[in-house]
Amino acid sequence: MRYEVIAGNVGTIYLGDEPLVARRAYLDAVWLSTHEKGRMAGESVYLMKNGEPISEHEGTNDQDQ
């Protein structure tokens, strides 16, 4: 299995075969997005498995105002 975590303007922040590492990277990125920290502030975050999204966080930067 191939896992990838993608965050808005940052791009890919994890690419590998470890589901627990991918999930941790996803949760960390979501925390940074929701708490408005650094470049991840307000960004959407996606956890992909073999190219298909399995978890999504819609950041405030992508919500309709």
PDB file of N, CA and C in Angstrom:
ATOM      1  N   MET A   1       0.837  -1.176   0.000  1.00  0.00           N
ATOM      2  CA  MET A   1       0.000   0.000   0.000  1.00  0.00           C
ATOM      3  C   MET A   1       0.889   1.249   0.000  1.00  0.00           C
ATOM      4  N   ARG A   2       0.448   2.268  -0.711  1.00  0.00           N
ATOM      5  CA  ARG A   2       1.162   3.536  -0.762  1.00  0.00           C
ATOM      6  C   ARG A   2       0.278   4.608  -0.150  1.00  0.00           C
ATOM      7  N   TYR A   3       0.806   5.306   0.853  1.00  0.00           N
ATOM      8  CA  TYR A   3       0.074   6.368   1.541  1.00  0.00           C
ATOM      9  C   TYR A   3       0.718   7.710   1.225  1.00  0.00           C
ATOM     10  N   GLU A   4      -0.115   8.730   1.125  1.00  0.00           N
ATOM     11  CA  GLU A   4       0.362  10.075   0.866  1.00  0.00           C
ATOM     12  C   GLU A   4      -0.494  11.057   1.649  1.00  0.00           C
ATOM     13  N   VAL A   5       0.155  12.037   2.247  1.00  0.00           N
ATOM     14  CA  VAL A   5      -0.543  13.124   2.923  1.00  0.00           C
ATOM     15  C   VAL A   5      -0.209  14.402   2.160  1.00  0.00           C
ATOM     16  N   ILE A   6      -1.257  15.103   1.742  1.00  0.00           N
ATOM     17  CA  ILE A   6      -1.100  16.323   0.959  1.00  0.00           C
ATOM     18  C   ILE A   6      -1.773  17.458   1.717  1.00  0.00           C
ATOM     19  N   ALA A   7      -1.076  18.573   1.840  1.00  0.00           N
ATOM     20  CA  ALA A   7      -1.617  19.731   2.548  1.00  0.00           C
ATOM     21  C   ALA A   7      -1.523  20.968   1.670  1.00  0.00           C
ATOM     22  N   GLY A   8      -2.677  21.496   1.296  1.00  0.00           N
ATOM     23  CA  GLY A   8      -2.826  22.752   0.579  1.00  0.00           C
ATOM     24  C   GLY A   8      -1.609  23.252  -0.160  1.00  0.00           C
ATOM     25  N   ASN A   9      -1.140  24.441   0.202  1.00  0.00           N
ATOM     26  CA  ASN A   9      -0.020  25.058  -0.502  1.00  0.00           C
ATOM     27  C   ASN A   9       1.326  24.445  -0.144  1.00  0.00           C
ATOM     28  N   VAL A  10       1.369  23.524   0.814  1.00  0.00           N
ATOM     29  CA  VAL A  10       2.629  22.892   1.218  1.00  0.00           C
ATOM     30  C   VAL A  10       2.984  21.755   0.269  1.00  0.00           C
ATOM     31  N   GLY A  11       1.983  20.995  -0.172  1.00  0.00           N
ATOM     32  CA  GLY A  11       2.209  19.859  -1.053  1.00  0.00           C
ATOM     33  C   GLY A  11       2.282  18.559  -0.262  1.00  0.00           C
ATOM     34  N   THR A  12       3.009  17.603  -0.780  1.00  0.00           N
ATOM     35  CA  THR A  12       3.120  16.294  -0.137  1.00  0.00           C
ATOM     36  C   THR A  12       3.997  16.396   1.100  1.00  0.00           C
ATOM     37  N   ILE A  13       3.453  15.968   2.241  1.00  0.00           N
ATOM     38  CA  ILE A  13       4.236  16.003   3.471  1.00  0.00           C
ATOM     39  C   ILE A  13       4.584  14.600   3.957  1.00  0.00           C
ATOM     40  N   TYR A  14       3.971  13.583   3.357  1.00  0.00           N
ATOM     41  CA  TYR A  14       4.368  12.203   3.627  1.00  0.00           C
ATOM     42  C   TYR A  14       4.052  11.372   2.396  1.00  0.00           C
ATOM     43  N   LEU A  15       4.976  10.482   2.060  1.00  0.00           N
ATOM     44  CA  LEU A  15       4.780   9.524   0.984  1.00  0.00           C
ATOM     45  C   LEU A  15       5.512   8.262   1.392  1.00  0.00           C
ATOM     46  N   GLY A  16       4.774   7.188   1.618  1.00  0.00           N
ATOM     47  CA  GLY A  16       5.414   5.962   2.053  1.00  0.00           C
ATOM     48  C   GLY A  16       4.423   4.836   2.258  1.00  0.00           C
ATOM     49  N   ASP A  17       4.906   3.758   2.857  1.00  0.00           N
ATOM     50  CA  ASP A  17       4.121   2.538   3.007  1.00  0.00           C
ATOM     51  C   ASP A  17       3.628   2.289   4.425  1.00  0.00           C
ATOM     52  N   GLU A  18       3.872   3.206   5.347  1.00  0.00           N
ATOM     53  CA  GLU A  18       3.515   3.002   6.752  1.00  0.00           C
ATOM     54  C   GLU A  18       2.197   3.694   7.101  1.00  0.00           C
ATOM     55  N   PRO A  19       1.115   2.927   7.299  1.00  0.00           N
ATOM     56  CA  PRO A  19      -0.181   3.556   7.576  1.00  0.00           C
ATOM     57  C   PRO A  19      -0.212   4.361   8.873  1.00  0.00           C
ATOM     58  N   LEU A  20       0.482   3.914   9.907  1.00  0.00           N
ATOM     59  CA  LEU A  20       0.466   4.658  11.168  1.00  0.00           C
ATOM     60  C   LEU A  20       1.227   5.973  11.048  1.00  0.00           C
ATOM     61  N   VAL A  21       2.317   5.969  10.327  1.00  0.00           N
ATOM     62  CA  VAL A  21       3.080   7.205  10.111  1.00  0.00           C
ATOM     63  C   VAL A  21       2.254   8.176   9.264  1.00  0.00           C
ATOM     64  N   ALA A  22       1.579   7.651   8.255  1.00  0.00           N
ATOM     65  CA  ALA A  22       0.735   8.489   7.406  1.00  0.00           C
ATOM     66  C   ALA A  22      -0.401   9.106   8.217  1.00  0.00           C
ATOM     67  N   ARG A  23      -1.055   8.311   9.045  1.00  0.00           N
ATOM     68  CA  ARG A  23      -2.165   8.813   9.863  1.00  0.00           C
ATOM     69  C   ARG A  23      -1.678   9.887  10.834  1.00  0.00           C
ATOM     70  N   ARG A  24      -0.507   9.665  11.444  1.00  0.00           N
ATOM     71  CA  ARG A  24       0.046  10.657  12.379  1.00  0.00           C
ATOM     72  C   ARG A  24       0.373  11.960  11.647  1.00  0.00           C
ATOM     73  N   ALA A  25       0.965  11.852  10.453  1.00  0.00           N
ATOM     74  CA  ALA A  25       1.275  13.048   9.666  1.00  0.00           C
ATOM     75  C   ALA A  25       0.000  13.786   9.290  1.00  0.00           C
ATOM     76  N   TYR A  26      -1.044  13.047   8.948  1.00  0.00           N
ATOM     77  CA  TYR A  26      -2.333  13.647   8.607  1.00  0.00           C
ATOM     78  C   TYR A  26      -2.917  14.392   9.808  1.00  0.00           C
ATOM     79  N   LEU A  27      -2.952  13.729  10.957  1.00  0.00           N
ATOM     80  CA  LEU A  27      -3.519  14.351  12.160  1.00  0.00           C
ATOM     81  C   LEU A  27      -2.710  15.572  12.597  1.00  0.00           C
ATOM     82  N   ASP A  28      -1.399  15.497  12.489  1.00  0.00           N
ATOM     83  CA  ASP A  28      -0.558  16.661  12.818  1.00  0.00           C
ATOM     84  C   ASP A  28      -0.858  17.827  11.878  1.00  0.00           C
ATOM     85  N   ALA A  29      -0.998  17.524  10.591  1.00  0.00           N
ATOM     86  CA  ALA A  29      -1.284  18.573   9.613  1.00  0.00           C
ATOM     87  C   ALA A  29      -2.660  19.192   9.854  1.00  0.00           C
ATOM     88  N   VAL A  30      -3.646  18.368  10.190  1.00  0.00           N
ATOM     89  CA  VAL A  30      -4.987  18.882  10.501  1.00  0.00           C
ATOM     90  C   VAL A  30      -4.929  19.794  11.724  1.00  0.00           C
ATOM     91  N   TRP A  31      -4.171  19.405  12.732  1.00  0.00           N
ATOM     92  CA  TRP A  31      -4.039  20.232  13.935  1.00  0.00           C
ATOM     93  C   TRP A  31      -3.436  21.587  13.574  1.00  0.00           C
ATOM     94  N   LEU A  32      -2.376  21.585  12.786  1.00  0.00           N
ATOM     95  CA  LEU A  32      -1.739  22.841  12.385  1.00  0.00           C
ATOM     96  C   LEU A  32      -2.707  23.704  11.569  1.00  0.00           C
ATOM     97  N   SER A  33      -3.492  23.075  10.711  1.00  0.00           N
ATOM     98  CA  SER A  33      -4.466  23.810   9.903  1.00  0.00           C
ATOM     99  C   SER A  33      -5.543  24.450  10.773  1.00  0.00           C
ATOM    100  N   THR A  34      -6.118  23.683  11.679  1.00  0.00           N
ATOM    101  CA  THR A  34      -7.224  24.197  12.491  1.00  0.00           C
ATOM    102  C   THR A  34      -6.774  25.191  13.552  1.00  0.00           C
ATOM    103  N   HIS A  35      -5.514  25.093  13.972  1.00  0.00           N
ATOM    104  CA  HIS A  35      -4.994  26.022  14.978  1.00  0.00           C
ATOM    105  C   HIS A  35      -4.215  27.180  14.364  1.00  0.00           C
ATOM    106  N   GLU A  36      -4.330  27.306  13.016  1.00  0.00           N
ATOM    107  CA  GLU A  36      -3.739  28.445  12.296  1.00  0.00           C
ATOM    108  C   GLU A  36      -2.250  28.605  12.567  1.00  0.00           C
ATOM    109  N   LYS A  37      -1.502  27.503  12.406  1.00  0.00           N
ATOM    110  CA  LYS A  37      -0.060  27.523  12.671  1.00  0.00           C
ATOM    111  C   LYS A  37       0.737  27.411  11.376  1.00  0.00           C
ATOM    112  N   GLY A  38       1.656  28.343  11.174  1.00  0.00           N
ATOM    113  CA  GLY A  38       2.608  28.281  10.071  1.00  0.00           C
ATOM    114  C   GLY A  38       1.979  28.237   8.695  1.00  0.00           C
ATOM    115  N   ARG A  39       2.685  27.619   7.765  1.00  0.00           N
ATOM    116  CA  ARG A  39       2.226  27.530   6.375  1.00  0.00           C
ATOM    117  C   ARG A  39       0.992  26.649   6.220  1.00  0.00           C
ATOM    118  N   MET A  40       0.692  25.829   7.225  1.00  0.00           N
ATOM    119  CA  MET A  40      -0.467  24.930   7.153  1.00  0.00           C
ATOM    120  C   MET A  40      -1.752  25.628   7.616  1.00  0.00           C
ATOM    121  N   ALA A  41      -1.657  26.833   8.127  1.00  0.00           N
ATOM    122  CA  ALA A  41      -2.818  27.544   8.673  1.00  0.00           C
ATOM    123  C   ALA A  41      -3.949  27.612   7.658  1.00  0.00           C
ATOM    124  N   GLY A  42      -5.082  27.029   8.006  1.00  0.00           N
ATOM    125  CA  GLY A  42      -6.269  27.091   7.174  1.00  0.00           C
ATOM    126  C   GLY A  42      -6.253  26.237   5.922  1.00  0.00           C
ATOM    127  N   GLU A  43      -5.224  25.439   5.738  1.00  0.00           N
ATOM    128  CA  GLU A  43      -5.113  24.635   4.521  1.00  0.00           C
ATOM    129  C   GLU A  43      -5.911  23.338   4.621  1.00  0.00           C
ATOM    130  N   SER A  44      -6.391  22.860   3.480  1.00  0.00           N
ATOM    131  CA  SER A  44      -7.039  21.558   3.418  1.00  0.00           C
ATOM    132  C   SER A  44      -5.969  20.477   3.450  1.00  0.00           C
ATOM    133  N   VAL A  45      -6.323  19.327   4.035  1.00  0.00           N
ATOM    134  CA  VAL A  45      -5.367  18.221   4.185  1.00  0.00           C
ATOM    135  C   VAL A  45      -6.048  16.940   3.713  1.00  0.00           C
ATOM    136  N   TYR A  46      -5.316  16.123   2.985  1.00  0.00           N
ATOM    137  CA  TYR A  46      -5.849  14.880   2.440  1.00  0.00           C
ATOM    138  C   TYR A  46      -4.935  13.716   2.785  1.00  0.00           C
ATOM    139  N   LEU A  47      -5.543  12.609   3.179  1.00  0.00           N
ATOM    140  CA  LEU A  47      -4.819  11.351   3.386  1.00  0.00           C
ATOM    141  C   LEU A  47      -5.250  10.420   2.263  1.00  0.00           C
ATOM    142  N   MET A  48      -4.277   9.998   1.467  1.00  0.00           N
ATOM    143  CA  MET A  48      -4.548   9.159   0.309  1.00  0.00           C
ATOM    144  C   MET A  48      -3.975   7.755   0.531  1.00  0.00           C
ATOM    145  N   LYS A  49      -4.687   6.781   0.002  1.00  0.00           N
ATOM    146  CA  LYS A  49      -4.217   5.389   0.021  1.00  0.00           C
ATOM    147  C   LYS A  49      -4.309   4.884  -1.413  1.00  0.00           C
ATOM    148  N   ASN A  50      -3.163   4.562  -1.980  1.00  0.00           N
ATOM    149  CA  ASN A  50      -3.094   4.112  -3.377  1.00  0.00           C
ATOM    150  C   ASN A  50      -3.803   5.083  -4.322  1.00  0.00           C
ATOM    151  N   GLY A  51      -3.617   6.378  -4.077  1.00  0.00           N
ATOM    152  CA  GLY A  51      -4.167   7.408  -4.952  1.00  0.00           C
ATOM    153  C   GLY A  51      -5.613   7.789  -4.699  1.00  0.00           C
ATOM    154  N   GLU A  52      -6.266   7.143  -3.735  1.00  0.00           N
ATOM    155  CA  GLU A  52      -7.654   7.440  -3.417  1.00  0.00           C
ATOM    156  C   GLU A  52      -7.750   8.103  -2.045  1.00  0.00           C
ATOM    157  N   PRO A  53      -8.542   9.175  -1.912  1.00  0.00           N
ATOM    158  CA  PRO A  53      -8.671   9.828  -0.601  1.00  0.00           C
ATOM    159  C   PRO A  53      -9.396   8.926   0.401  1.00  0.00           C
ATOM    160  N   ILE A  54      -8.826   8.822   1.609  1.00  0.00           N
ATOM    161  CA  ILE A  54      -9.500   8.059   2.664  1.00  0.00           C
ATOM    162  C   ILE A  54      -9.875   8.953   3.844  1.00  0.00           C
ATOM    163  N   SER A  55      -9.262  10.135   3.940  1.00  0.00           N
ATOM    164  CA  SER A  55      -9.629  11.132   4.947  1.00  0.00           C
ATOM    165  C   SER A  55      -9.381  12.509   4.357  1.00  0.00           C
ATOM    166  N   GLU A  56     -10.281  13.437   4.666  1.00  0.00           N
ATOM    167  CA  GLU A  56     -10.150  14.807   4.171  1.00  0.00           C
ATOM    168  C   GLU A  56     -10.490  15.799   5.271  1.00  0.00           C
ATOM    169  N   HIS A  57      -9.746  16.877   5.305  1.00  0.00           N
ATOM    170  CA  HIS A  57     -10.046  18.005   6.195  1.00  0.00           C
ATOM    171  C   HIS A  57     -10.133  19.232   5.311  1.00  0.00           C
ATOM    172  N   GLU A  58     -11.304  19.881   5.281  1.00  0.00           N
ATOM    173  CA  GLU A  58     -11.455  21.105   4.502  1.00  0.00           C
ATOM    174  C   GLU A  58     -11.018  22.289   5.336  1.00  0.00           C
ATOM    175  N   GLY A  59      -9.958  22.928   4.909  1.00  0.00           N
ATOM    176  CA  GLY A  59      -9.440  24.079   5.625  1.00  0.00           C
ATOM    177  C   GLY A  59     -10.276  25.322   5.390  1.00  0.00           C
ATOM    178  N   THR A  60     -10.136  26.288   6.273  1.00  0.00           N
ATOM    179  CA  THR A  60     -10.898  27.523   6.150  1.00  0.00           C
ATOM    180  C   THR A  60     -10.540  28.296   4.875  1.00  0.00           C
ATOM    181  N   ASN A  61      -9.342  28.102   4.355  1.00  0.00           N
ATOM    182  CA  ASN A  61      -8.941  28.778   3.121  1.00  0.00           C
ATOM    183  C   ASN A  61      -9.750  28.314   1.920  1.00  0.00           C
ATOM    184  N   ASP A  62     -10.352  27.116   2.005  1.00  0.00           N
ATOM    185  CA  ASP A  62     -11.109  26.550   0.885  1.00  0.00           C
ATOM    186  C   ASP A  62     -12.612  26.603   1.082  1.00  0.00           C
ATOM    187  N   GLN A  63     -13.081  27.148   2.188  1.00  0.00           N
ATOM    188  CA  GLN A  63     -14.510  27.231   2.448  1.00  0.00           C
ATOM    189  C   GLN A  63     -15.072  28.477   1.795  1.00  0.00           C
ATOM    190  N   ASP A  64     -16.324  28.367   1.341  1.00  0.00           N
ATOM    191  CA  ASP A  64     -17.000  29.535   0.756  1.00  0.00           C
ATOM    192  C   ASP A  64     -17.237  30.584   1.839  1.00  0.00           C
ATOM    193  N   GLN A  65     -16.950  31.792   1.510  1.00  0.00           N
ATOM    194  CA  GLN A  65     -17.108  32.888   2.473  1.00  0.00           C
ATOM    195  C   GLN A  65     -18.460  33.531   2.312  1.00  0.00           C
TER     196      GLN A  65
END
